[in-house]
Structure formats: C-alpha cells, structure tokens
C-alpha cells in the first residue's frame, strides 16, 4: 500500500464538490493507494510533466509519484478547470 499525501489546496477543492462525488473520489483514491498503476483505473500520464491524472466521472485527481512509497495529490477539480495552471 502506498502512502497518500494531500496538498493543502485539496481541502478547498473538496469543499466545492458535492458529497455524492466526494465519496466516489475517495473510493478511487483508496484503490489508487493499493495499486498506483492499475489498469482498472483511468490513469494517464500528462504530457511533458511528471504528473498523472485519475479520472473520476467529470472530476480529475492530479498527482505525482515522487518515489515508490508515496503519492502526492495536488488537485481535485472538475475537468473544465483541472488542467489550468499546470
């Protein structure tokens, strides 16, 4: 199991999401911690960056894997806003 570390900005991101979506998002994050490169999750590496994205419906979880022991989540946003300022 990989350790999940949330950036301080993700608290604000989560506050702006409906509760029913937040539950789905955290379920996917739990699966991500079990297998960060699972073929069952909709994961893509972002071009020309060190970041990955996990798709959960209309929401995107943006993260990086600095080492094999942790995942740093830095944004959880709606898809229309997810890729701004990367």
PDB file of N, CA and C in Angstrom:
ATOM      1  N   UNK A   1       0.840  -1.179   0.000  1.00  0.00           N
ATOM      2  CA  UNK A   1       0.000   0.000   0.000  1.00  0.00           C
ATOM      3  C   UNK A   1       0.890   1.251   0.000  1.00  0.00           C
ATOM      4  N   UNK A   2       0.532   2.202  -0.818  1.00  0.00           N
ATOM      5  CA  UNK A   2       1.296   3.435  -0.978  1.00  0.00           C
ATOM      6  C   UNK A   2       0.671   4.520  -0.103  1.00  0.00           C
ATOM      7  N   UNK A   3       1.516   5.339   0.499  1.00  0.00           N
ATOM      8  CA  UNK A   3       1.036   6.439   1.346  1.00  0.00           C
ATOM      9  C   UNK A   3       0.509   7.573   0.468  1.00  0.00           C
ATOM     10  N   UNK A   4      -0.662   8.108   0.809  1.00  0.00           N
ATOM     11  CA  UNK A   4      -1.268   9.218   0.072  1.00  0.00           C
ATOM     12  C   UNK A   4      -1.051  10.499   0.866  1.00  0.00           C
ATOM     13  N   UNK A   5      -0.505  11.519   0.216  1.00  0.00           N
ATOM     14  CA  UNK A   5      -0.286  12.820   0.839  1.00  0.00           C
ATOM     15  C   UNK A   5      -1.077  13.855   0.052  1.00  0.00           C
ATOM     16  N   UNK A   6      -1.939  14.597   0.764  1.00  0.00           N
ATOM     17  CA  UNK A   6      -2.758  15.633   0.131  1.00  0.00           C
ATOM     18  C   UNK A   6      -2.096  16.992   0.300  1.00  0.00           C
ATOM     19  N   UNK A   7      -2.061  17.757  -0.773  1.00  0.00           N
ATOM     20  CA  UNK A   7      -1.594  19.137  -0.723  1.00  0.00           C
ATOM     21  C   UNK A   7      -2.623  19.965   0.047  1.00  0.00           C
ATOM     22  N   UNK A   8      -2.205  21.070   0.607  1.00  0.00           N
ATOM     23  CA  UNK A   8      -3.116  21.906   1.391  1.00  0.00           C
ATOM     24  C   UNK A   8      -4.254  22.465   0.540  1.00  0.00           C
ATOM     25  N   UNK A   9      -4.050  22.648  -0.752  1.00  0.00           N
ATOM     26  CA  UNK A   9      -5.091  23.180  -1.636  1.00  0.00           C
ATOM     27  C   UNK A   9      -6.227  22.195  -1.882  1.00  0.00           C
ATOM     28  N   UNK A  10      -5.982  20.926  -1.691  1.00  0.00           N
ATOM     29  CA  UNK A  10      -7.023  19.936  -1.989  1.00  0.00           C
ATOM     30  C   UNK A  10      -8.214  20.039  -1.037  1.00  0.00           C
ATOM     31  N   UNK A  11      -7.991  20.535   0.174  1.00  0.00           N
ATOM     32  CA  UNK A  11      -9.114  20.745   1.103  1.00  0.00           C
ATOM     33  C   UNK A  11     -10.135  21.699   0.495  1.00  0.00           C
ATOM     34  N   UNK A  12      -9.639  22.755  -0.083  1.00  0.00           N
ATOM     35  CA  UNK A  12     -10.522  23.748  -0.714  1.00  0.00           C
ATOM     36  C   UNK A  12     -11.221  23.149  -1.936  1.00  0.00           C
ATOM     37  N   UNK A  13     -10.491  22.349  -2.698  1.00  0.00           N
ATOM     38  CA  UNK A  13     -11.087  21.683  -3.866  1.00  0.00           C
ATOM     39  C   UNK A  13     -12.253  20.791  -3.452  1.00  0.00           C
ATOM     40  N   UNK A  14     -12.056  20.022  -2.383  1.00  0.00           N
ATOM     41  CA  UNK A  14     -13.067  19.075  -1.926  1.00  0.00           C
ATOM     42  C   UNK A  14     -14.314  19.797  -1.410  1.00  0.00           C
ATOM     43  N   UNK A  15     -14.133  20.935  -0.773  1.00  0.00           N
ATOM     44  CA  UNK A  15     -15.274  21.704  -0.253  1.00  0.00           C
ATOM     45  C   UNK A  15     -16.228  22.131  -1.366  1.00  0.00           C
ATOM     46  N   UNK A  16     -15.715  22.291  -2.577  1.00  0.00           N
ATOM     47  CA  UNK A  16     -16.516  22.763  -3.704  1.00  0.00           C
ATOM     48  C   UNK A  16     -17.178  21.643  -4.500  1.00  0.00           C
ATOM     49  N   UNK A  17     -17.065  20.407  -4.019  1.00  0.00           N
ATOM     50  CA  UNK A  17     -17.618  19.251  -4.735  1.00  0.00           C
ATOM     51  C   UNK A  17     -18.778  18.674  -3.933  1.00  0.00           C
ATOM     52  N   UNK A  18     -19.835  18.252  -4.652  1.00  0.00           N
ATOM     53  CA  UNK A  18     -20.985  17.634  -3.992  1.00  0.00           C
ATOM     54  C   UNK A  18     -20.573  16.353  -3.267  1.00  0.00           C
ATOM     55  N   UNK A  19     -21.247  16.075  -2.158  1.00  0.00           N
ATOM     56  CA  UNK A  19     -20.916  14.939  -1.298  1.00  0.00           C
ATOM     57  C   UNK A  19     -20.937  13.608  -2.043  1.00  0.00           C
ATOM     58  N   UNK A  20     -21.919  13.412  -2.927  1.00  0.00           N
ATOM     59  CA  UNK A  20     -22.000  12.126  -3.626  1.00  0.00           C
ATOM     60  C   UNK A  20     -20.776  11.884  -4.508  1.00  0.00           C
ATOM     61  N   UNK A  21     -20.183  12.958  -5.053  1.00  0.00           N
ATOM     62  CA  UNK A  21     -18.976  12.810  -5.854  1.00  0.00           C
ATOM     63  C   UNK A  21     -17.747  12.636  -4.977  1.00  0.00           C
ATOM     64  N   UNK A  22     -17.736  13.284  -3.825  1.00  0.00           N
ATOM     65  CA  UNK A  22     -16.594  13.171  -2.910  1.00  0.00           C
ATOM     66  C   UNK A  22     -16.406  11.721  -2.473  1.00  0.00           C
ATOM     67  N   UNK A  23     -17.507  11.020  -2.209  1.00  0.00           N
ATOM     68  CA  UNK A  23     -17.419   9.610  -1.820  1.00  0.00           C
ATOM     69  C   UNK A  23     -16.786   8.777  -2.929  1.00  0.00           C
ATOM     70  N   UNK A  24     -17.200   9.015  -4.173  1.00  0.00           N
ATOM     71  CA  UNK A  24     -16.620   8.280  -5.316  1.00  0.00           C
ATOM     72  C   UNK A  24     -15.136   8.599  -5.475  1.00  0.00           C
ATOM     73  N   UNK A  25     -14.796   9.860  -5.294  1.00  0.00           N
ATOM     74  CA  UNK A  25     -13.403  10.292  -5.441  1.00  0.00           C
ATOM     75  C   UNK A  25     -12.516   9.598  -4.407  1.00  0.00           C
ATOM     76  N   UNK A  26     -12.959   9.577  -3.149  1.00  0.00           N
ATOM     77  CA  UNK A  26     -12.140   8.943  -2.121  1.00  0.00           C
ATOM     78  C   UNK A  26     -12.061   7.435  -2.286  1.00  0.00           C
ATOM     79  N   UNK A  27     -13.082   6.835  -2.846  1.00  0.00           N
ATOM     80  CA  UNK A  27     -13.033   5.403  -3.138  1.00  0.00           C
ATOM     81  C   UNK A  27     -11.945   5.121  -4.190  1.00  0.00           C
ATOM     82  N   UNK A  28     -11.886   5.959  -5.216  1.00  0.00           N
ATOM     83  CA  UNK A  28     -10.854   5.794  -6.259  1.00  0.00           C
ATOM     84  C   UNK A  28      -9.464   6.056  -5.701  1.00  0.00           C
ATOM     85  N   UNK A  29      -9.346   7.024  -4.794  1.00  0.00           N
ATOM     86  CA  UNK A  29      -8.043   7.297  -4.168  1.00  0.00           C
ATOM     87  C   UNK A  29      -7.607   6.094  -3.343  1.00  0.00           C
ATOM     88  N   UNK A  30      -8.547   5.452  -2.694  1.00  0.00           N
ATOM     89  CA  UNK A  30      -8.233   4.241  -1.930  1.00  0.00           C
ATOM     90  C   UNK A  30      -7.700   3.148  -2.865  1.00  0.00           C
ATOM     91  N   UNK A  31      -8.364   2.942  -4.012  1.00  0.00           N
ATOM     92  CA  UNK A  31      -7.884   1.961  -4.994  1.00  0.00           C
ATOM     93  C   UNK A  31      -6.507   2.359  -5.532  1.00  0.00           C
ATOM     94  N   UNK A  32      -6.306   3.651  -5.727  1.00  0.00           N
ATOM     95  CA  UNK A  32      -5.024   4.149  -6.216  1.00  0.00           C
ATOM     96  C   UNK A  32      -3.904   3.820  -5.235  1.00  0.00           C
ATOM     97  N   UNK A  33      -4.180   3.932  -3.950  1.00  0.00           N
ATOM     98  CA  UNK A  33      -3.156   3.642  -2.940  1.00  0.00           C
ATOM     99  C   UNK A  33      -2.774   2.163  -2.933  1.00  0.00           C
ATOM    100  N   UNK A  34      -3.715   1.300  -3.323  1.00  0.00           N
ATOM    101  CA  UNK A  34      -3.426  -0.134  -3.364  1.00  0.00           C
ATOM    102  C   UNK A  34      -2.572  -0.513  -4.568  1.00  0.00           C
ATOM    103  N   UNK A  35      -2.825   0.139  -5.709  1.00  0.00           N
ATOM    104  CA  UNK A  35      -2.072  -0.149  -6.933  1.00  0.00           C
ATOM    105  C   UNK A  35      -2.004   1.115  -7.795  1.00  0.00           C
ATOM    106  N   UNK A  36      -0.936   1.914  -7.659  1.00  0.00           N
ATOM    107  CA  UNK A  36      -0.842   3.197  -8.364  1.00  0.00           C
ATOM    108  C   UNK A  36      -0.832   3.094  -9.891  1.00  0.00           C
ATOM    109  N   UNK A  37      -0.579   1.927 -10.431  1.00  0.00           N
ATOM    110  CA  UNK A  37      -0.528   1.781 -11.890  1.00  0.00           C
ATOM    111  C   UNK A  37      -1.548   0.766 -12.388  1.00  0.00           C
ATOM    112  N   UNK A  38      -2.650   0.652 -11.688  1.00  0.00           N
ATOM    113  CA  UNK A  38      -3.687  -0.318 -12.030  1.00  0.00           C
ATOM    114  C   UNK A  38      -4.263  -0.050 -13.419  1.00  0.00           C
ATOM    115  N   UNK A  39      -4.478  -1.107 -14.152  1.00  0.00           N
ATOM    116  CA  UNK A  39      -5.116  -0.998 -15.469  1.00  0.00           C
ATOM    117  C   UNK A  39      -6.623  -0.765 -15.327  1.00  0.00           C
ATOM    118  N   UNK A  40      -7.177  -1.034 -14.140  1.00  0.00           N
ATOM    119  CA  UNK A  40      -8.608  -0.870 -13.911  1.00  0.00           C
ATOM    120  C   UNK A  40      -9.009   0.569 -13.621  1.00  0.00           C
ATOM    121  N   UNK A  41      -8.041   1.417 -13.309  1.00  0.00           N
ATOM    122  CA  UNK A  41      -8.314   2.828 -13.068  1.00  0.00           C
ATOM    123  C   UNK A  41      -8.002   3.613 -14.338  1.00  0.00           C
ATOM    124  N   UNK A  42      -8.716   4.703 -14.558  1.00  0.00           N
ATOM    125  CA  UNK A  42      -8.488   5.532 -15.743  1.00  0.00           C
ATOM    126  C   UNK A  42      -7.371   6.532 -15.433  1.00  0.00           C
ATOM    127  N   UNK A  43      -6.129   6.063 -15.557  1.00  0.00           N
ATOM    128  CA  UNK A  43      -4.949   6.857 -15.227  1.00  0.00           C
ATOM    129  C   UNK A  43      -4.200   7.177 -16.510  1.00  0.00           C
ATOM    130  N   UNK A  44      -3.756   8.423 -16.619  1.00  0.00           N
ATOM    131  CA  UNK A  44      -2.899   8.817 -17.738  1.00  0.00           C
ATOM    132  C   UNK A  44      -1.791   9.718 -17.228  1.00  0.00           C
ATOM    133  N   UNK A  45      -0.620   9.574 -17.821  1.00  0.00           N
ATOM    134  CA  UNK A  45       0.476  10.487 -17.521  1.00  0.00           C
ATOM    135  C   UNK A  45       0.278  11.727 -18.376  1.00  0.00           C
ATOM    136  N   UNK A  46       0.422  12.896 -17.764  1.00  0.00           N
ATOM    137  CA  UNK A  46       0.253  14.140 -18.501  1.00  0.00           C
ATOM    138  C   UNK A  46       1.513  14.422 -19.308  1.00  0.00           C
ATOM    139  N   UNK A  47       1.333  14.834 -20.538  1.00  0.00           N
ATOM    140  CA  UNK A  47       2.461  15.078 -21.441  1.00  0.00           C
ATOM    141  C   UNK A  47       3.365  16.182 -20.912  1.00  0.00           C
ATOM    142  N   UNK A  48       4.657  15.972 -21.091  1.00  0.00           N
ATOM    143  CA  UNK A  48       5.695  16.956 -20.758  1.00  0.00           C
ATOM    144  C   UNK A  48       5.697  17.367 -19.289  1.00  0.00           C
ATOM    145  N   UNK A  49       5.199  16.515 -18.413  1.00  0.00           N
ATOM    146  CA  UNK A  49       5.222  16.789 -16.971  1.00  0.00           C
ATOM    147  C   UNK A  49       5.536  15.494 -16.240  1.00  0.00           C
ATOM    148  N   UNK A  50       5.702  15.629 -14.949  1.00  0.00           N
ATOM    149  CA  UNK A  50       5.895  14.454 -14.093  1.00  0.00           C
ATOM    150  C   UNK A  50       4.586  14.012 -13.446  1.00  0.00           C
ATOM    151  N   UNK A  51       3.474  14.619 -13.849  1.00  0.00           N
ATOM    152  CA  UNK A  51       2.185  14.410 -13.211  1.00  0.00           C
ATOM    153  C   UNK A  51       1.334  13.351 -13.901  1.00  0.00           C
ATOM    154  N   UNK A  52       0.410  12.808 -13.112  1.00  0.00           N
ATOM    155  CA  UNK A  52      -0.582  11.860 -13.600  1.00  0.00           C
ATOM    156  C   UNK A  52      -1.958  12.417 -13.300  1.00  0.00           C
ATOM    157  N   UNK A  53      -2.964  11.879 -13.991  1.00  0.00           N
ATOM    158  CA  UNK A  53      -4.338  12.232 -13.663  1.00  0.00           C
ATOM    159  C   UNK A  53      -5.151  10.959 -13.553  1.00  0.00           C
ATOM    160  N   UNK A  54      -6.058  10.981 -12.586  1.00  0.00           N
ATOM    161  CA  UNK A  54      -7.005   9.895 -12.386  1.00  0.00           C
ATOM    162  C   UNK A  54      -8.380  10.471 -12.653  1.00  0.00           C
ATOM    163  N   UNK A  55      -9.109   9.866 -13.569  1.00  0.00           N
ATOM    164  CA  UNK A  55     -10.443  10.337 -13.941  1.00  0.00           C
ATOM    165  C   UNK A  55     -11.494   9.674 -13.063  1.00  0.00           C
ATOM    166  N   UNK A  56     -12.355  10.508 -12.476  1.00  0.00           N
ATOM    167  CA  UNK A  56     -13.492  10.027 -11.686  1.00  0.00           C
ATOM    168  C   UNK A  56     -14.710  10.799 -12.182  1.00  0.00           C
ATOM    169  N   UNK A  57     -15.409  10.249 -13.146  1.00  0.00           N
ATOM    170  CA  UNK A  57     -16.540  10.956 -13.747  1.00  0.00           C
ATOM    171  C   UNK A  57     -16.072  12.245 -14.397  1.00  0.00           C
ATOM    172  N   UNK A  58     -16.668  13.376 -14.006  1.00  0.00           N
ATOM    173  CA  UNK A  58     -16.276  14.680 -14.547  1.00  0.00           C
ATOM    174  C   UNK A  58     -15.153  15.326 -13.748  1.00  0.00           C
ATOM    175  N   UNK A  59     -14.611  14.623 -12.762  1.00  0.00           N
ATOM    176  CA  UNK A  59     -13.562  15.175 -11.917  1.00  0.00           C
ATOM    177  C   UNK A  59     -12.220  14.518 -12.218  1.00  0.00           C
ATOM    178  N   UNK A  60     -11.159  15.286 -11.971  1.00  0.00           N
ATOM    179  CA  UNK A  60      -9.810  14.793 -12.198  1.00  0.00           C
ATOM    180  C   UNK A  60      -9.003  14.954 -10.922  1.00  0.00           C
ATOM    181  N   UNK A  61      -8.295  13.904 -10.576  1.00  0.00           N
ATOM    182  CA  UNK A  61      -7.366  13.931  -9.453  1.00  0.00           C
ATOM    183  C   UNK A  61      -5.981  14.034 -10.066  1.00  0.00           C
ATOM    184  N   UNK A  62      -5.285  15.112  -9.787  1.00  0.00           N
ATOM    185  CA  UNK A  62      -3.954  15.332 -10.340  1.00  0.00           C
ATOM    186  C   UNK A  62      -2.928  15.035  -9.256  1.00  0.00           C
ATOM    187  N   UNK A  63      -1.937  14.239  -9.607  1.00  0.00           N
ATOM    188  CA  UNK A  63      -0.969  13.801  -8.603  1.00  0.00           C
ATOM    189  C   UNK A  63       0.361  13.475  -9.245  1.00  0.00           C
ATOM    190  N   UNK A  64       1.367  13.291  -8.376  1.00  0.00           N
ATOM    191  CA  UNK A  64       2.665  12.808  -8.839  1.00  0.00           C
ATOM    192  C   UNK A  64       3.143  11.734  -7.882  1.00  0.00           C
ATOM    193  N   UNK A  65       4.063  10.941  -8.364  1.00  0.00           N
ATOM    194  CA  UNK A  65       4.618   9.847  -7.578  1.00  0.00           C
ATOM    195  C   UNK A  65       6.123  10.110  -7.445  1.00  0.00           C
ATOM    196  N   UNK A  66       6.536  10.825  -6.365  1.00  0.00           N
ATOM    197  CA  UNK A  66       7.952  11.168  -6.231  1.00  0.00           C
ATOM    198  C   UNK A  66       8.845   9.962  -5.953  1.00  0.00           C
ATOM    199  N   UNK A  67       8.287   8.940  -5.320  1.00  0.00           N
ATOM    200  CA  UNK A  67       9.021   7.688  -5.103  1.00  0.00           C
ATOM    201  C   UNK A  67       7.990   6.558  -5.016  1.00  0.00           C
ATOM    202  N   UNK A  68       8.440   5.361  -4.861  1.00  0.00           N
ATOM    203  CA  UNK A  68       7.527   4.214  -4.876  1.00  0.00           C
ATOM    204  C   UNK A  68       6.732   4.047  -3.585  1.00  0.00           C
ATOM    205  N   UNK A  69       6.943   4.933  -2.617  1.00  0.00           N
ATOM    206  CA  UNK A  69       6.286   4.787  -1.326  1.00  0.00           C
ATOM    207  C   UNK A  69       5.187   5.808  -1.078  1.00  0.00           C
ATOM    208  N   UNK A  70       5.052   6.819  -1.949  1.00  0.00           N
ATOM    209  CA  UNK A  70       4.042   7.839  -1.705  1.00  0.00           C
ATOM    210  C   UNK A  70       3.475   8.422  -2.995  1.00  0.00           C
ATOM    211  N   UNK A  71       2.261   8.931  -2.873  1.00  0.00           N
ATOM    212  CA  UNK A  71       1.584   9.650  -3.956  1.00  0.00           C
ATOM    213  C   UNK A  71       1.194  11.004  -3.396  1.00  0.00           C
ATOM    214  N   UNK A  72       1.552  12.077  -4.099  1.00  0.00           N
ATOM    215  CA  UNK A  72       1.210  13.434  -3.666  1.00  0.00           C
ATOM    216  C   UNK A  72       0.088  13.971  -4.547  1.00  0.00           C
ATOM    217  N   UNK A  73      -1.090  14.132  -3.952  1.00  0.00           N
ATOM    218  CA  UNK A  73      -2.236  14.677  -4.669  1.00  0.00           C
ATOM    219  C   UNK A  73      -2.224  16.182  -4.497  1.00  0.00           C
ATOM    220  N   UNK A  74      -2.214  16.914  -5.613  1.00  0.00           N
ATOM    221  CA  UNK A  74      -2.158  18.369  -5.512  1.00  0.00           C
ATOM    222  C   UNK A  74      -3.403  19.063  -6.022  1.00  0.00           C
ATOM    223  N   UNK A  75      -4.336  18.360  -6.646  1.00  0.00           N
ATOM    224  CA  UNK A  75      -5.578  18.991  -7.098  1.00  0.00           C
ATOM    225  C   UNK A  75      -6.657  17.939  -7.327  1.00  0.00           C
ATOM    226  N   UNK A  76      -7.885  18.317  -6.976  1.00  0.00           N
ATOM    227  CA  UNK A  76      -9.078  17.520  -7.280  1.00  0.00           C
ATOM    228  C   UNK A  76     -10.077  18.522  -7.828  1.00  0.00           C
ATOM    229  N   UNK A  77     -10.233  18.527  -9.147  1.00  0.00           N
ATOM    230  CA  UNK A  77     -11.029  19.570  -9.782  1.00  0.00           C
ATOM    231  C   UNK A  77     -11.940  19.006 -10.864  1.00  0.00           C
ATOM    232  N   UNK A  78     -12.946  19.802 -11.216  1.00  0.00           N
ATOM    233  CA  UNK A  78     -13.807  19.480 -12.344  1.00  0.00           C
ATOM    234  C   UNK A  78     -12.942  19.504 -13.607  1.00  0.00           C
ATOM    235  N   UNK A  79     -13.283  18.698 -14.568  1.00  0.00           N
ATOM    236  CA  UNK A  79     -12.441  18.567 -15.762  1.00  0.00           C
ATOM    237  C   UNK A  79     -12.241  19.867 -16.520  1.00  0.00           C
ATOM    238  N   UNK A  80     -13.196  20.794 -16.449  1.00  0.00           N
ATOM    239  CA  UNK A  80     -13.041  22.063 -17.174  1.00  0.00           C
ATOM    240  C   UNK A  80     -11.977  22.953 -16.539  1.00  0.00           C
ATOM    241  N   UNK A  81     -11.680  22.728 -15.250  1.00  0.00           N
ATOM    242  CA  UNK A  81     -10.702  23.554 -14.555  1.00  0.00           C
ATOM    243  C   UNK A  81      -9.408  22.802 -14.213  1.00  0.00           C
ATOM    244  N   UNK A  82      -9.397  21.514 -14.407  1.00  0.00           N
ATOM    245  CA  UNK A  82      -8.316  20.675 -13.892  1.00  0.00           C
ATOM    246  C   UNK A  82      -6.939  20.992 -14.470  1.00  0.00           C
ATOM    247  N   UNK A  83      -6.872  21.344 -15.723  1.00  0.00           N
ATOM    248  CA  UNK A  83      -5.567  21.454 -16.372  1.00  0.00           C
ATOM    249  C   UNK A  83      -5.046  22.880 -16.470  1.00  0.00           C
ATOM    250  N   UNK A  84      -5.750  23.818 -15.850  1.00  0.00           N
ATOM    251  CA  UNK A  84      -5.285  25.201 -15.816  1.00  0.00           C
ATOM    252  C   UNK A  84      -4.145  25.298 -14.807  1.00  0.00           C
ATOM    253  N   UNK A  85      -3.144  26.072 -15.123  1.00  0.00           N
ATOM    254  CA  UNK A  85      -2.016  26.355 -14.216  1.00  0.00           C
ATOM    255  C   UNK A  85      -1.148  25.133 -13.894  1.00  0.00           C
ATOM    256  N   UNK A  86      -1.011  24.225 -14.830  1.00  0.00           N
ATOM    257  CA  UNK A  86      -0.098  23.082 -14.604  1.00  0.00           C
ATOM    258  C   UNK A  86       1.229  23.415 -15.232  1.00  0.00           C
TER     259      UNK A  86
END
